[in-house]
Amino acid sequence: MEKGRSQGDQFLGTYFLSRRSAYSTLLGQLGEAAQQSQIKPREHSFSTEPIEGSDTLSMMTITASYEGTYQNLMNFVHQVDQSPGMMIIESLNAAPQAGSNTLSVNLKIDTFVREDVGE
């Protein structure tokens, strides 16, 4: 039992961000992914909903907009997939901009946050 509890706590500590630092950590990870893939970030918004049955866990949804080429987008998706946190791309919509090879991209990304003890 103790080993299972320890492994569970380790998993939560590794893949679930602390609510206190979640926003800045995620913006940093998304910004780095955008820079490496040469896609231009636009607007970002965040919302957090409690996870039913848990007093300490919530799901954070990030709605983000970007502009870039198809190759930029593929590189960005790869960077998000390889990021250290657990970011799940829930939806991705890409539409071409008239007269160019640039796409307008809208993403909805889910991740999980935890309340630190004593918050």
N, C-alpha and C. Protein backbone atom coordinates (compact mmCIF):
# COMPACT_ATOMS: atom_id res chain seq x y z
N MET A 1 0.82 -1.19 0.00
CA MET A 1 0.00 0.00 0.00
C MET A 1 0.86 1.26 0.00
N GLU A 2 1.88 1.25 0.83
CA GLU A 2 2.74 2.43 0.93
C GLU A 2 3.48 2.69 -0.37
N LYS A 3 3.92 1.62 -1.05
CA LYS A 3 4.62 1.78 -2.32
C LYS A 3 3.67 2.36 -3.38
N GLY A 4 2.44 1.87 -3.42
CA GLY A 4 1.45 2.38 -4.37
C GLY A 4 1.14 3.84 -4.11
N ARG A 5 1.00 4.23 -2.85
CA ARG A 5 0.73 5.62 -2.49
C ARG A 5 1.91 6.50 -2.91
N SER A 6 3.12 6.01 -2.67
CA SER A 6 4.33 6.76 -3.03
C SER A 6 4.43 6.95 -4.53
N GLN A 7 4.16 5.89 -5.30
CA GLN A 7 4.21 5.98 -6.75
C GLN A 7 3.11 6.92 -7.28
N GLY A 8 1.93 6.87 -6.67
CA GLY A 8 0.85 7.77 -7.06
C GLY A 8 1.21 9.22 -6.81
N ASP A 9 1.79 9.48 -5.64
CA ASP A 9 2.22 10.85 -5.32
C ASP A 9 3.31 11.32 -6.28
N GLN A 10 4.22 10.41 -6.63
CA GLN A 10 5.29 10.76 -7.57
C GLN A 10 4.70 11.10 -8.94
N PHE A 11 3.73 10.32 -9.41
CA PHE A 11 3.07 10.58 -10.69
C PHE A 11 2.39 11.95 -10.67
N LEU A 12 1.64 12.23 -9.59
CA LEU A 12 0.96 13.53 -9.49
C LEU A 12 1.97 14.67 -9.47
N GLY A 13 3.06 14.49 -8.76
CA GLY A 13 4.08 15.54 -8.69
C GLY A 13 4.77 15.78 -10.01
N THR A 14 4.91 14.73 -10.82
CA THR A 14 5.60 14.83 -12.10
C THR A 14 4.71 15.40 -13.19
N TYR A 15 3.46 14.92 -13.30
CA TYR A 15 2.62 15.25 -14.45
C TYR A 15 1.49 16.23 -14.16
N PHE A 16 1.18 16.50 -12.91
CA PHE A 16 0.12 17.44 -12.57
C PHE A 16 0.79 18.68 -11.99
N LEU A 17 0.58 19.81 -12.62
CA LEU A 17 1.21 21.05 -12.19
C LEU A 17 0.57 21.59 -10.92
N SER A 18 1.37 22.26 -10.12
CA SER A 18 0.86 22.98 -8.96
C SER A 18 0.03 24.16 -9.46
N ARG A 19 -1.13 24.36 -8.87
CA ARG A 19 -1.98 25.48 -9.29
C ARG A 19 -1.23 26.81 -9.16
N ARG A 20 -0.38 26.91 -8.17
CA ARG A 20 0.34 28.14 -7.90
C ARG A 20 1.22 28.56 -9.09
N SER A 21 1.81 27.59 -9.77
CA SER A 21 2.73 27.92 -10.88
C SER A 21 2.23 27.46 -12.25
N ALA A 22 1.02 26.92 -12.32
CA ALA A 22 0.53 26.32 -13.58
C ALA A 22 0.48 27.31 -14.73
N TYR A 23 -0.05 28.50 -14.51
CA TYR A 23 -0.22 29.47 -15.60
C TYR A 23 1.14 29.86 -16.19
N SER A 24 2.06 30.23 -15.35
CA SER A 24 3.37 30.67 -15.86
C SER A 24 4.13 29.51 -16.49
N THR A 25 4.02 28.32 -15.90
CA THR A 25 4.70 27.15 -16.47
C THR A 25 4.16 26.82 -17.85
N LEU A 26 2.84 26.80 -17.98
CA LEU A 26 2.23 26.47 -19.27
C LEU A 26 2.50 27.52 -20.33
N LEU A 27 2.41 28.79 -19.96
CA LEU A 27 2.74 29.85 -20.92
C LEU A 27 4.19 29.74 -21.37
N GLY A 28 5.07 29.41 -20.45
CA GLY A 28 6.48 29.22 -20.80
C GLY A 28 6.68 28.05 -21.74
N GLN A 29 6.03 26.92 -21.45
CA GLN A 29 6.17 25.74 -22.31
C GLN A 29 5.58 25.99 -23.69
N LEU A 30 4.41 26.61 -23.74
CA LEU A 30 3.79 26.91 -25.04
C LEU A 30 4.61 27.94 -25.81
N GLY A 31 5.14 28.93 -25.12
CA GLY A 31 5.98 29.94 -25.76
C GLY A 31 7.26 29.34 -26.33
N GLU A 32 7.87 28.45 -25.58
CA GLU A 32 9.08 27.77 -26.06
C GLU A 32 8.77 26.90 -27.27
N ALA A 33 7.66 26.16 -27.21
CA ALA A 33 7.25 25.32 -28.34
C ALA A 33 6.99 26.16 -29.58
N ALA A 34 6.34 27.32 -29.39
CA ALA A 34 6.05 28.21 -30.52
C ALA A 34 7.34 28.76 -31.11
N GLN A 35 8.26 29.16 -30.25
CA GLN A 35 9.53 29.71 -30.73
C GLN A 35 10.32 28.66 -31.51
N GLN A 36 10.41 27.45 -30.98
CA GLN A 36 11.16 26.38 -31.65
C GLN A 36 10.53 25.98 -32.97
N SER A 37 9.21 26.06 -33.07
CA SER A 37 8.53 25.66 -34.30
C SER A 37 8.28 26.84 -35.24
N GLN A 38 8.63 28.03 -34.82
CA GLN A 38 8.48 29.25 -35.61
C GLN A 38 7.03 29.55 -35.97
N ILE A 39 6.13 29.25 -35.04
CA ILE A 39 4.72 29.59 -35.22
C ILE A 39 4.45 30.82 -34.34
N LYS A 40 3.58 31.71 -34.79
CA LYS A 40 3.34 32.97 -34.06
C LYS A 40 2.17 32.82 -33.09
N PRO A 41 2.43 32.99 -31.80
CA PRO A 41 1.33 32.93 -30.83
C PRO A 41 0.44 34.16 -30.92
N ARG A 42 -0.83 33.98 -30.69
CA ARG A 42 -1.79 35.07 -30.65
C ARG A 42 -2.41 35.09 -29.25
N GLU A 43 -3.70 34.93 -29.13
CA GLU A 43 -4.37 34.99 -27.83
C GLU A 43 -4.32 33.64 -27.11
N HIS A 44 -4.31 33.74 -25.76
CA HIS A 44 -4.41 32.56 -24.90
C HIS A 44 -5.44 32.87 -23.81
N SER A 45 -6.26 31.90 -23.49
CA SER A 45 -7.15 32.04 -22.33
C SER A 45 -7.15 30.73 -21.56
N PHE A 46 -7.38 30.84 -20.26
CA PHE A 46 -7.33 29.69 -19.38
C PHE A 46 -8.64 29.59 -18.60
N SER A 47 -9.08 28.37 -18.36
CA SER A 47 -10.20 28.15 -17.45
C SER A 47 -9.89 26.88 -16.66
N THR A 48 -10.38 26.83 -15.44
CA THR A 48 -10.12 25.69 -14.56
C THR A 48 -11.43 25.19 -13.99
N GLU A 49 -11.61 23.88 -14.04
CA GLU A 49 -12.81 23.24 -13.51
C GLU A 49 -12.38 22.14 -12.54
N PRO A 50 -13.04 22.03 -11.39
CA PRO A 50 -12.69 20.94 -10.46
C PRO A 50 -13.02 19.57 -11.08
N ILE A 51 -12.24 18.59 -10.71
CA ILE A 51 -12.50 17.22 -11.14
C ILE A 51 -13.43 16.58 -10.12
N GLU A 52 -14.56 16.08 -10.60
CA GLU A 52 -15.56 15.49 -9.71
C GLU A 52 -14.94 14.36 -8.90
N GLY A 53 -15.19 14.39 -7.60
CA GLY A 53 -14.70 13.34 -6.71
C GLY A 53 -13.33 13.61 -6.13
N SER A 54 -12.73 14.74 -6.47
CA SER A 54 -11.41 15.08 -5.94
C SER A 54 -11.43 16.47 -5.32
N ASP A 55 -10.84 16.59 -4.16
CA ASP A 55 -10.74 17.90 -3.50
C ASP A 55 -9.48 18.64 -3.91
N THR A 56 -8.53 17.93 -4.53
CA THR A 56 -7.22 18.53 -4.79
C THR A 56 -6.83 18.61 -6.25
N LEU A 57 -7.65 18.08 -7.17
CA LEU A 57 -7.30 18.07 -8.59
C LEU A 57 -8.32 18.84 -9.42
N SER A 58 -7.81 19.55 -10.44
CA SER A 58 -8.67 20.29 -11.37
C SER A 58 -8.15 20.09 -12.79
N MET A 59 -9.03 20.31 -13.76
CA MET A 59 -8.62 20.29 -15.15
C MET A 59 -8.56 21.73 -15.64
N MET A 60 -7.43 22.07 -16.25
CA MET A 60 -7.26 23.39 -16.83
C MET A 60 -7.36 23.27 -18.34
N THR A 61 -8.16 24.13 -18.93
CA THR A 61 -8.30 24.16 -20.39
C THR A 61 -7.69 25.46 -20.90
N ILE A 62 -6.81 25.33 -21.88
CA ILE A 62 -6.16 26.46 -22.51
C ILE A 62 -6.73 26.58 -23.91
N THR A 63 -7.26 27.73 -24.25
CA THR A 63 -7.71 28.01 -25.61
C THR A 63 -6.68 28.97 -26.19
N ALA A 64 -6.05 28.58 -27.30
CA ALA A 64 -4.94 29.36 -27.84
C ALA A 64 -5.06 29.50 -29.35
N SER A 65 -4.57 30.62 -29.85
CA SER A 65 -4.56 30.89 -31.29
C SER A 65 -3.12 31.11 -31.75
N TYR A 66 -2.83 30.62 -32.96
CA TYR A 66 -1.50 30.74 -33.55
C TYR A 66 -1.64 31.01 -35.05
N GLU A 67 -0.55 31.46 -35.66
CA GLU A 67 -0.47 31.60 -37.11
C GLU A 67 0.86 31.04 -37.58
N GLY A 68 0.81 30.30 -38.69
CA GLY A 68 2.03 29.76 -39.27
C GLY A 68 1.72 28.85 -40.43
N THR A 69 2.77 28.30 -40.99
CA THR A 69 2.61 27.37 -42.10
C THR A 69 2.21 25.99 -41.57
N TYR A 70 1.86 25.12 -42.48
CA TYR A 70 1.52 23.75 -42.11
C TYR A 70 2.71 23.10 -41.41
N GLN A 71 3.92 23.30 -41.92
CA GLN A 71 5.13 22.71 -41.30
C GLN A 71 5.34 23.27 -39.90
N ASN A 72 5.13 24.58 -39.72
CA ASN A 72 5.23 25.19 -38.38
C ASN A 72 4.25 24.51 -37.42
N LEU A 73 3.03 24.30 -37.89
CA LEU A 73 2.00 23.67 -37.07
C LEU A 73 2.40 22.26 -36.68
N MET A 74 2.88 21.48 -37.63
CA MET A 74 3.29 20.11 -37.32
C MET A 74 4.44 20.09 -36.31
N ASN A 75 5.38 21.00 -36.47
CA ASN A 75 6.49 21.11 -35.50
C ASN A 75 5.97 21.51 -34.12
N PHE A 76 5.01 22.44 -34.09
CA PHE A 76 4.45 22.88 -32.82
C PHE A 76 3.74 21.73 -32.11
N VAL A 77 2.92 20.98 -32.83
CA VAL A 77 2.21 19.84 -32.23
C VAL A 77 3.23 18.84 -31.67
N HIS A 78 4.30 18.61 -32.40
CA HIS A 78 5.35 17.70 -31.92
C HIS A 78 5.99 18.25 -30.63
N GLN A 79 6.27 19.55 -30.60
CA GLN A 79 6.87 20.17 -29.41
C GLN A 79 5.93 20.05 -28.21
N VAL A 80 4.64 20.28 -28.41
CA VAL A 80 3.68 20.15 -27.31
C VAL A 80 3.63 18.71 -26.84
N ASP A 81 3.65 17.77 -27.76
CA ASP A 81 3.63 16.35 -27.41
C ASP A 81 4.85 15.96 -26.59
N GLN A 82 5.99 16.56 -26.87
CA GLN A 82 7.24 16.23 -26.19
C GLN A 82 7.46 17.06 -24.92
N SER A 83 6.57 17.97 -24.60
CA SER A 83 6.76 18.85 -23.44
C SER A 83 6.74 18.02 -22.15
N PRO A 84 7.41 18.52 -21.11
CA PRO A 84 7.53 17.74 -19.88
C PRO A 84 6.22 17.54 -19.13
N GLY A 85 5.26 18.44 -19.27
CA GLY A 85 3.98 18.27 -18.60
C GLY A 85 3.04 17.41 -19.42
N MET A 86 1.90 17.11 -18.86
CA MET A 86 0.91 16.31 -19.58
C MET A 86 -0.11 17.26 -20.20
N MET A 87 0.17 17.69 -21.44
CA MET A 87 -0.77 18.53 -22.17
C MET A 87 -1.45 17.67 -23.22
N ILE A 88 -2.78 17.72 -23.23
CA ILE A 88 -3.58 16.91 -24.15
C ILE A 88 -4.27 17.86 -25.12
N ILE A 89 -4.00 17.71 -26.39
CA ILE A 89 -4.67 18.53 -27.40
C ILE A 89 -6.06 17.96 -27.61
N GLU A 90 -7.06 18.68 -27.10
CA GLU A 90 -8.45 18.23 -27.21
C GLU A 90 -9.01 18.49 -28.60
N SER A 91 -8.69 19.67 -29.16
CA SER A 91 -9.15 19.98 -30.51
C SER A 91 -8.15 20.91 -31.17
N LEU A 92 -8.12 20.83 -32.49
CA LEU A 92 -7.24 21.67 -33.31
C LEU A 92 -8.00 22.01 -34.58
N ASN A 93 -8.12 23.30 -34.86
CA ASN A 93 -8.76 23.76 -36.09
C ASN A 93 -7.78 24.67 -36.82
N ALA A 94 -7.57 24.40 -38.09
CA ALA A 94 -6.67 25.22 -38.90
C ALA A 94 -7.40 25.64 -40.17
N ALA A 95 -7.29 26.92 -40.50
CA ALA A 95 -7.93 27.45 -41.69
C ALA A 95 -6.91 28.30 -42.45
N PRO A 96 -6.86 28.15 -43.78
CA PRO A 96 -5.91 28.95 -44.55
C PRO A 96 -6.32 30.42 -44.59
N GLN A 97 -5.33 31.30 -44.60
CA GLN A 97 -5.59 32.72 -44.78
C GLN A 97 -5.53 33.01 -46.28
N ALA A 98 -6.45 33.78 -46.76
CA ALA A 98 -6.56 34.06 -48.19
C ALA A 98 -5.27 34.66 -48.74
N GLY A 99 -4.82 34.11 -49.88
CA GLY A 99 -3.68 34.66 -50.59
C GLY A 99 -2.32 34.37 -49.98
N SER A 100 -2.23 33.41 -49.06
CA SER A 100 -0.93 33.08 -48.47
C SER A 100 -0.90 31.60 -48.11
N ASN A 101 0.27 31.14 -47.70
CA ASN A 101 0.37 29.75 -47.25
C ASN A 101 0.33 29.68 -45.72
N THR A 102 -0.24 30.72 -45.09
CA THR A 102 -0.33 30.80 -43.64
C THR A 102 -1.68 30.26 -43.17
N LEU A 103 -1.63 29.53 -42.06
CA LEU A 103 -2.83 29.00 -41.44
C LEU A 103 -3.15 29.77 -40.17
N SER A 104 -4.43 29.98 -39.90
CA SER A 104 -4.91 30.45 -38.61
C SER A 104 -5.28 29.21 -37.82
N VAL A 105 -4.67 29.05 -36.66
CA VAL A 105 -4.82 27.82 -35.89
C VAL A 105 -5.46 28.13 -34.54
N ASN A 106 -6.46 27.36 -34.18
CA ASN A 106 -7.09 27.45 -32.85
C ASN A 106 -6.96 26.08 -32.18
N LEU A 107 -6.44 26.11 -30.97
CA LEU A 107 -6.22 24.88 -30.20
C LEU A 107 -6.96 24.95 -28.88
N LYS A 108 -7.40 23.78 -28.43
CA LYS A 108 -7.93 23.63 -27.09
C LYS A 108 -7.08 22.55 -26.44
N ILE A 109 -6.37 22.91 -25.38
CA ILE A 109 -5.43 22.00 -24.74
C ILE A 109 -5.86 21.80 -23.29
N ASP A 110 -5.90 20.55 -22.84
CA ASP A 110 -6.24 20.23 -21.46
C ASP A 110 -5.00 19.79 -20.71
N THR A 111 -4.94 20.15 -19.45
CA THR A 111 -3.90 19.66 -18.54
C THR A 111 -4.51 19.60 -17.15
N PHE A 112 -3.79 19.03 -16.23
CA PHE A 112 -4.31 18.84 -14.89
C PHE A 112 -3.47 19.62 -13.89
N VAL A 113 -4.14 20.17 -12.89
CA VAL A 113 -3.45 20.91 -11.84
C VAL A 113 -3.86 20.34 -10.49
N ARG A 114 -2.96 20.50 -9.54
CA ARG A 114 -3.21 20.01 -8.18
C ARG A 114 -3.06 21.16 -7.20
N GLU A 115 -3.83 21.06 -6.16
CA GLU A 115 -3.70 22.01 -5.04
C GLU A 115 -2.58 21.50 -4.16
N ASP A 116 -1.64 22.39 -3.83
CA ASP A 116 -0.59 22.01 -2.88
C ASP A 116 -1.18 21.99 -1.49
N VAL A 117 -0.69 21.09 -0.67
CA VAL A 117 -1.13 21.00 0.71
C VAL A 117 -0.81 22.33 1.38
N GLY A 118 -1.80 22.88 2.07
CA GLY A 118 -1.60 24.14 2.77
C GLY A 118 -2.00 25.35 1.96
N GLU A 119 -2.46 25.19 0.71
CA GLU A 119 -2.89 26.36 -0.09
C GLU A 119 -4.24 26.81 0.38
